[in-house]
PDB file of N, CA and C in Angstrom:
ATOM      1  N   UNK A   1      -8.849  45.515  -8.451  1.00  0.00           N
ATOM      2  CA  UNK A   1      -7.914  46.424  -7.773  1.00  0.00           C
ATOM      3  C   UNK A   1      -8.686  47.825  -7.587  1.00  0.00           C
ATOM      4  N   UNK A   2      -8.361  48.356  -6.345  1.00  0.00           N
ATOM      5  CA  UNK A   2      -9.068  49.642  -5.926  1.00  0.00           C
ATOM      6  C   UNK A   2      -8.286  50.755  -6.797  1.00  0.00           C
ATOM      7  N   UNK A   3      -9.276  51.722  -7.016  1.00  0.00           N
ATOM      8  CA  UNK A   3      -8.621  53.002  -7.759  1.00  0.00           C
ATOM      9  C   UNK A   3      -7.571  53.573  -6.925  1.00  0.00           C
ATOM     10  N   UNK A   4      -6.390  53.980  -7.646  1.00  0.00           N
ATOM     11  CA  UNK A   4      -5.345  54.611  -7.056  1.00  0.00           C
ATOM     12  C   UNK A   4      -4.180  53.647  -6.604  1.00  0.00           C
ATOM     13  N   UNK A   5      -4.425  52.432  -6.734  1.00  0.00           N
ATOM     14  CA  UNK A   5      -3.440  51.510  -6.088  1.00  0.00           C
ATOM     15  C   UNK A   5      -2.531  51.248  -7.341  1.00  0.00           C
ATOM     16  N   UNK A   6      -1.189  50.918  -6.977  1.00  0.00           N
ATOM     17  CA  UNK A   6      -0.297  50.645  -8.062  1.00  0.00           C
ATOM     18  C   UNK A   6      -0.464  49.348  -8.689  1.00  0.00           C
ATOM     19  N   UNK A   7      -0.027  49.015  -9.839  1.00  0.00           N
ATOM     20  CA  UNK A   7      -0.049  47.740 -10.328  1.00  0.00           C
ATOM     21  C   UNK A   7       0.873  46.745  -9.471  1.00  0.00           C
ATOM     22  N   UNK A   8       0.189  45.636  -9.065  1.00  0.00           N
ATOM     23  CA  UNK A   8       0.924  44.697  -8.350  1.00  0.00           C
ATOM     24  C   UNK A   8       0.573  44.670  -6.723  1.00  0.00           C
ATOM     25  N   UNK A   9      -0.064  45.831  -6.445  1.00  0.00           N
ATOM     26  CA  UNK A   9      -0.554  45.893  -4.988  1.00  0.00           C
ATOM     27  C   UNK A   9      -1.444  44.706  -4.546  1.00  0.00           C
ATOM     28  N   UNK A  10      -2.169  44.402  -5.475  1.00  0.00           N
ATOM     29  CA  UNK A  10      -3.228  43.387  -5.036  1.00  0.00           C
ATOM     30  C   UNK A  10      -2.262  41.897  -4.823  1.00  0.00           C
ATOM     31  N   UNK A  11      -1.495  41.763  -5.674  1.00  0.00           N
ATOM     32  CA  UNK A  11      -0.466  40.521  -5.670  1.00  0.00           C
ATOM     33  C   UNK A  11       0.298  40.655  -4.295  1.00  0.00           C
ATOM     34  N   UNK A  12       0.842  41.863  -3.933  1.00  0.00           N
ATOM     35  CA  UNK A  12       1.687  42.057  -2.683  1.00  0.00           C
ATOM     36  C   UNK A  12       0.796  41.798  -1.636  1.00  0.00           C
ATOM     37  N   UNK A  13      -0.537  42.336  -1.636  1.00  0.00           N
ATOM     38  CA  UNK A  13      -1.462  42.042  -0.476  1.00  0.00           C
ATOM     39  C   UNK A  13      -1.618  40.594  -0.396  1.00  0.00           C
ATOM     40  N   UNK A  14      -1.787  39.887  -1.392  1.00  0.00           N
ATOM     41  CA  UNK A  14      -2.106  38.294  -1.289  1.00  0.00           C
ATOM     42  C   UNK A  14      -0.899  37.632  -0.646  1.00  0.00           C
ATOM     43  N   UNK A  15       0.389  38.113  -1.200  1.00  0.00           N
ATOM     44  CA  UNK A  15       1.524  37.515  -0.588  1.00  0.00           C
ATOM     45  C   UNK A  15       1.680  37.652   0.877  1.00  0.00           C
ATOM     46  N   UNK A  16       1.428  39.039   1.471  1.00  0.00           N
ATOM     47  CA  UNK A  16       1.462  39.357   2.782  1.00  0.00           C
ATOM     48  C   UNK A  16       0.301  38.501   3.517  1.00  0.00           C
ATOM     49  N   UNK A  17      -0.734  38.264   2.941  1.00  0.00           N
ATOM     50  CA  UNK A  17      -1.883  37.479   3.730  1.00  0.00           C
ATOM     51  C   UNK A  17      -1.394  36.134   3.809  1.00  0.00           C
ATOM     52  N   UNK A  18      -0.734  35.521   2.700  1.00  0.00           N
ATOM     53  CA  UNK A  18      -0.263  34.177   2.736  1.00  0.00           C
ATOM     54  C   UNK A  18       0.848  34.065   3.879  1.00  0.00           C
ATOM     55  N   UNK A  19       1.726  35.089   3.871  1.00  0.00           N
ATOM     56  CA  UNK A  19       2.801  34.800   4.805  1.00  0.00           C
ATOM     57  C   UNK A  19       2.289  34.892   6.244  1.00  0.00           C
ATOM     58  N   UNK A  20       1.289  35.832   6.578  1.00  0.00           N
ATOM     59  CA  UNK A  20       0.688  35.714   7.816  1.00  0.00           C
ATOM     60  C   UNK A  20       0.009  34.550   8.256  1.00  0.00           C
ATOM     61  N   UNK A  21      -0.625  33.883   7.299  1.00  0.00           N
ATOM     62  CA  UNK A  21      -1.323  32.633   7.631  1.00  0.00           C
ATOM     63  C   UNK A  21      -0.297  31.465   7.831  1.00  0.00           C
ATOM     64  N   UNK A  22       0.793  31.462   7.192  1.00  0.00           N
ATOM     65  CA  UNK A  22       1.837  30.568   7.395  1.00  0.00           C
ATOM     66  C   UNK A  22       2.384  30.647   8.766  1.00  0.00           C
ATOM     67  N   UNK A  23       2.818  32.149   9.151  1.00  0.00           N
ATOM     68  CA  UNK A  23       3.334  32.253  10.419  1.00  0.00           C
ATOM     69  C   UNK A  23       2.172  31.982  11.445  1.00  0.00           C
ATOM     70  N   UNK A  24       0.995  32.062  11.273  1.00  0.00           N
ATOM     71  CA  UNK A  24       0.030  31.670  12.296  1.00  0.00           C
ATOM     72  C   UNK A  24      -0.053  30.042  12.368  1.00  0.00           C
ATOM     73  N   UNK A  25       0.151  29.478  11.373  1.00  0.00           N
ATOM     74  CA  UNK A  25       0.180  28.026  11.288  1.00  0.00           C
ATOM     75  C   UNK A  25       1.429  27.574  12.105  1.00  0.00           C
ATOM     76  N   UNK A  26       2.506  27.972  11.704  1.00  0.00           N
ATOM     77  CA  UNK A  26       3.731  27.672  12.397  1.00  0.00           C
ATOM     78  C   UNK A  26       3.749  27.921  13.735  1.00  0.00           C
ATOM     79  N   UNK A  27       3.215  29.129  14.331  1.00  0.00           N
ATOM     80  CA  UNK A  27       3.253  29.396  15.661  1.00  0.00           C
ATOM     81  C   UNK A  27       2.243  28.482  16.357  1.00  0.00           C
ATOM     82  N   UNK A  28       1.070  28.092  15.773  1.00  0.00           N
ATOM     83  CA  UNK A  28       0.327  27.229  16.386  1.00  0.00           C
ATOM     84  C   UNK A  28       0.841  25.787  16.612  1.00  0.00           C
ATOM     85  N   UNK A  29       1.502  25.333  15.652  1.00  0.00           N
ATOM     86  CA  UNK A  29       2.364  24.094  15.663  1.00  0.00           C
ATOM     87  C   UNK A  29       3.288  24.023  16.792  1.00  0.00           C
ATOM     88  N   UNK A  30       4.114  25.235  16.836  1.00  0.00           N
ATOM     89  CA  UNK A  30       5.160  25.293  17.835  1.00  0.00           C
ATOM     90  C   UNK A  30       4.572  25.420  19.379  1.00  0.00           C
ATOM     91  N   UNK A  31       3.402  26.106  19.453  1.00  0.00           N
ATOM     92  CA  UNK A  31       2.679  26.116  20.709  1.00  0.00           C
ATOM     93  C   UNK A  31       2.172  24.793  21.142  1.00  0.00           C
ATOM     94  N   UNK A  32       1.657  24.034  20.155  1.00  0.00           N
ATOM     95  CA  UNK A  32       1.343  22.648  20.549  1.00  0.00           C
ATOM     96  C   UNK A  32       2.473  21.819  21.079  1.00  0.00           C
ATOM     97  N   UNK A  33       3.584  21.866  20.234  1.00  0.00           N
ATOM     98  CA  UNK A  33       4.802  21.067  20.589  1.00  0.00           C
ATOM     99  C   UNK A  33       5.414  21.539  21.955  1.00  0.00           C
ATOM    100  N   UNK A  34       5.349  22.789  22.258  1.00  0.00           N
ATOM    101  CA  UNK A  34       5.840  23.283  23.481  1.00  0.00           C
ATOM    102  C   UNK A  34       4.931  22.649  24.710  1.00  0.00           C
ATOM    103  N   UNK A  35       3.543  22.880  24.481  1.00  0.00           N
ATOM    104  CA  UNK A  35       2.723  22.411  25.281  1.00  0.00           C
ATOM    105  C   UNK A  35       2.918  20.795  25.697  1.00  0.00           C
ATOM    106  N   UNK A  36       3.013  20.193  24.635  1.00  0.00           N
ATOM    107  CA  UNK A  36       3.332  18.650  24.807  1.00  0.00           C
ATOM    108  C   UNK A  36       4.594  18.368  25.665  1.00  0.00           C
ATOM    109  N   UNK A  37       5.584  19.040  25.205  1.00  0.00           N
ATOM    110  CA  UNK A  37       6.993  18.841  26.005  1.00  0.00           C
ATOM    111  C   UNK A  37       6.849  19.200  27.359  1.00  0.00           C
ATOM    112  N   UNK A  38       5.958  20.282  27.799  1.00  0.00           N
ATOM    113  CA  UNK A  38       5.796  20.759  29.104  1.00  0.00           C
ATOM    114  C   UNK A  38       4.943  19.621  29.941  1.00  0.00           C
ATOM    115  N   UNK A  39       4.072  19.188  29.330  1.00  0.00           N
ATOM    116  CA  UNK A  39       3.402  18.138  29.936  1.00  0.00           C
ATOM    117  C   UNK A  39       4.226  16.826  30.129  1.00  0.00           C
ATOM    118  N   UNK A  40       5.049  16.458  29.373  1.00  0.00           N
ATOM    119  CA  UNK A  40       5.900  15.403  29.357  1.00  0.00           C
ATOM    120  C   UNK A  40       6.938  15.598  30.544  1.00  0.00           C
ATOM    121  N   UNK A  41       7.369  16.832  30.555  1.00  0.00           N
ATOM    122  CA  UNK A  41       8.415  17.202  31.649  1.00  0.00           C
ATOM    123  C   UNK A  41       7.560  17.056  32.902  1.00  0.00           C
ATOM    124  N   UNK A  42       6.480  17.599  33.180  1.00  0.00           N
ATOM    125  CA  UNK A  42       5.627  17.442  34.395  1.00  0.00           C
ATOM    126  C   UNK A  42       5.624  16.144  34.844  1.00  0.00           C
ATOM    127  N   UNK A  43       5.254  15.146  33.830  1.00  0.00           N
ATOM    128  CA  UNK A  43       5.113  13.854  34.192  1.00  0.00           C
ATOM    129  C   UNK A  43       6.406  13.271  34.660  1.00  0.00           C
ATOM    130  N   UNK A  44       7.441  13.661  34.103  1.00  0.00           N
ATOM    131  CA  UNK A  44       8.791  13.039  34.438  1.00  0.00           C
ATOM    132  C   UNK A  44       9.106  13.622  35.753  1.00  0.00           C
ATOM    133  N   UNK A  45       8.806  14.768  36.069  1.00  0.00           N
ATOM    134  CA  UNK A  45       9.135  15.478  37.450  1.00  0.00           C
ATOM    135  C   UNK A  45       8.278  14.579  38.510  1.00  0.00           C
ATOM    136  N   UNK A  46       6.967  14.386  38.207  1.00  0.00           N
ATOM    137  CA  UNK A  46       6.246  13.618  39.243  1.00  0.00           C
ATOM    138  C   UNK A  46       6.892  12.308  39.367  1.00  0.00           C
ATOM    139  N   UNK A  47       7.238  11.540  38.273  1.00  0.00           N
ATOM    140  CA  UNK A  47       7.949  10.274  38.466  1.00  0.00           C
ATOM    141  C   UNK A  47       9.173  10.334  39.289  1.00  0.00           C
ATOM    142  N   UNK A  48       9.841  11.290  39.008  1.00  0.00           N
ATOM    143  CA  UNK A  48      11.207  11.692  39.828  1.00  0.00           C
ATOM    144  C   UNK A  48      10.895  11.807  41.411  1.00  0.00           C
ATOM    145  N   UNK A  49       9.890  12.594  41.610  1.00  0.00           N
ATOM    146  CA  UNK A  49       9.485  12.755  42.978  1.00  0.00           C
ATOM    147  C   UNK A  49       9.164  11.546  43.530  1.00  0.00           C
ATOM    148  N   UNK A  50       8.381  10.711  42.859  1.00  0.00           N
ATOM    149  CA  UNK A  50       7.835   9.419  43.528  1.00  0.00           C
ATOM    150  C   UNK A  50       9.005   8.636  43.761  1.00  0.00           C
ATOM    151  N   UNK A  51      10.011   8.493  42.935  1.00  0.00           N
ATOM    152  CA  UNK A  51      11.273   7.585  43.014  1.00  0.00           C
ATOM    153  C   UNK A  51      12.001   7.970  44.089  1.00  0.00           C
ATOM    154  N   UNK A  52      12.181   9.380  44.319  1.00  0.00           N
ATOM    155  CA  UNK A  52      13.063  10.006  45.496  1.00  0.00           C
ATOM    156  C   UNK A  52      12.249   9.547  46.828  1.00  0.00           C
ATOM    157  N   UNK A  53      10.895   9.555  46.965  1.00  0.00           N
ATOM    158  CA  UNK A  53      10.205   9.189  48.028  1.00  0.00           C
ATOM    159  C   UNK A  53      10.457   7.796  48.212  1.00  0.00           C
ATOM    160  N   UNK A  54      10.383   6.845  47.368  1.00  0.00           N
ATOM    161  CA  UNK A  54      10.638   5.602  47.440  1.00  0.00           C
ATOM    162  C   UNK A  54      11.943   5.146  47.946  1.00  0.00           C
ATOM    163  N   UNK A  55      12.944   5.840  47.412  1.00  0.00           N
ATOM    164  CA  UNK A  55      14.225   5.714  47.741  1.00  0.00           C
ATOM    165  C   UNK A  55      14.503   6.194  49.218  1.00  0.00           C
ATOM    166  N   UNK A  56      13.885   7.208  49.697  1.00  0.00           N
ATOM    167  CA  UNK A  56      14.017   7.659  50.925  1.00  0.00           C
ATOM    168  C   UNK A  56      13.326   6.614  51.806  1.00  0.00           C
ATOM    169  N   UNK A  57      12.281   6.101  51.591  1.00  0.00           N
ATOM    170  CA  UNK A  57      11.614   5.116  52.377  1.00  0.00           C
ATOM    171  C   UNK A  57      12.504   3.759  52.611  1.00  0.00           C
ATOM    172  N   UNK A  58      13.146   3.443  51.454  1.00  0.00           N
ATOM    173  CA  UNK A  58      13.966   2.296  51.541  1.00  0.00           C
ATOM    174  C   UNK A  58      15.229   2.472  52.401  1.00  0.00           C
ATOM    175  N   UNK A  59      15.621   3.934  52.345  1.00  0.00           N
ATOM    176  CA  UNK A  59      16.778   4.144  53.242  1.00  0.00           C
ATOM    177  C   UNK A  59      16.412   4.394  54.736  1.00  0.00           C
ATOM    178  N   UNK A  60      15.095   4.322  55.008  1.00  0.00           N
ATOM    179  CA  UNK A  60      14.634   4.531  56.278  1.00  0.00           C
ATOM    180  C   UNK A  60      14.441   5.872  56.705  1.00  0.00           C
ATOM    181  N   UNK A  61      14.292   6.785  55.680  1.00  0.00           N
ATOM    182  CA  UNK A  61      13.998   8.245  55.903  1.00  0.00           C
ATOM    183  C   UNK A  61      12.438   8.381  55.540  1.00  0.00           C
ATOM    184  N   UNK A  62      11.661   8.721  56.479  1.00  0.00           N
ATOM    185  CA  UNK A  62      10.256   8.723  56.227  1.00  0.00           C
ATOM    186  C   UNK A  62       9.694  10.017  56.158  1.00  0.00           C
ATOM    187  N   UNK A  63       9.976  10.772  55.158  1.00  0.00           N
ATOM    188  CA  UNK A  63       9.349  12.132  54.943  1.00  0.00           C
ATOM    189  C   UNK A  63       8.106  11.917  53.986  1.00  0.00           C
ATOM    190  N   UNK A  64       7.183  12.664  54.192  1.00  0.00           N
ATOM    191  CA  UNK A  64       6.054  12.610  53.361  1.00  0.00           C
ATOM    192  C   UNK A  64       6.276  13.514  52.119  1.00  0.00           C
ATOM    193  N   UNK A  65       5.381  13.273  51.168  1.00  0.00           N
ATOM    194  CA  UNK A  65       5.564  14.146  49.944  1.00  0.00           C
ATOM    195  C   UNK A  65       5.538  15.703  50.327  1.00  0.00           C
ATOM    196  N   UNK A  66       4.659  15.984  51.170  1.00  0.00           N
ATOM    197  CA  UNK A  66       4.519  17.453  51.604  1.00  0.00           C
ATOM    198  C   UNK A  66       5.855  17.884  52.129  1.00  0.00           C
ATOM    199  N   UNK A  67       6.448  17.051  52.979  1.00  0.00           N
ATOM    200  CA  UNK A  67       7.608  17.566  53.614  1.00  0.00           C
ATOM    201  C   UNK A  67       8.796  17.804  52.651  1.00  0.00           C
ATOM    202  N   UNK A  68       8.778  16.945  51.446  1.00  0.00           N
ATOM    203  CA  UNK A  68       9.675  17.183  50.412  1.00  0.00           C
ATOM    204  C   UNK A  68       9.511  18.424  49.676  1.00  0.00           C
ATOM    205  N   UNK A  69       8.314  18.811  49.632  1.00  0.00           N
ATOM    206  CA  UNK A  69       7.965  20.113  48.706  1.00  0.00           C
ATOM    207  C   UNK A  69       8.302  21.352  49.451  1.00  0.00           C
ATOM    208  N   UNK A  70       8.662  21.310  50.729  1.00  0.00           N
ATOM    209  CA  UNK A  70       8.981  22.504  51.551  1.00  0.00           C
ATOM    210  C   UNK A  70      10.453  22.736  51.554  1.00  0.00           C
TER     211      UNK A  70
END
């Protein structure tokens, strides 16, 4: 303990450091889950676009993917 620090300051500092570490771990895990969900949603949107194009072709509407995006 450094001179002039009250008793327990080192313990409090360790608790704060542990809390920040846990927050960092939780934030990283949350970031990874959000990124995975965004990738899954991107894949679902791509699949949906493909199915819409397929349905339009079946219905005799021949728009290309580029025309659908405008």
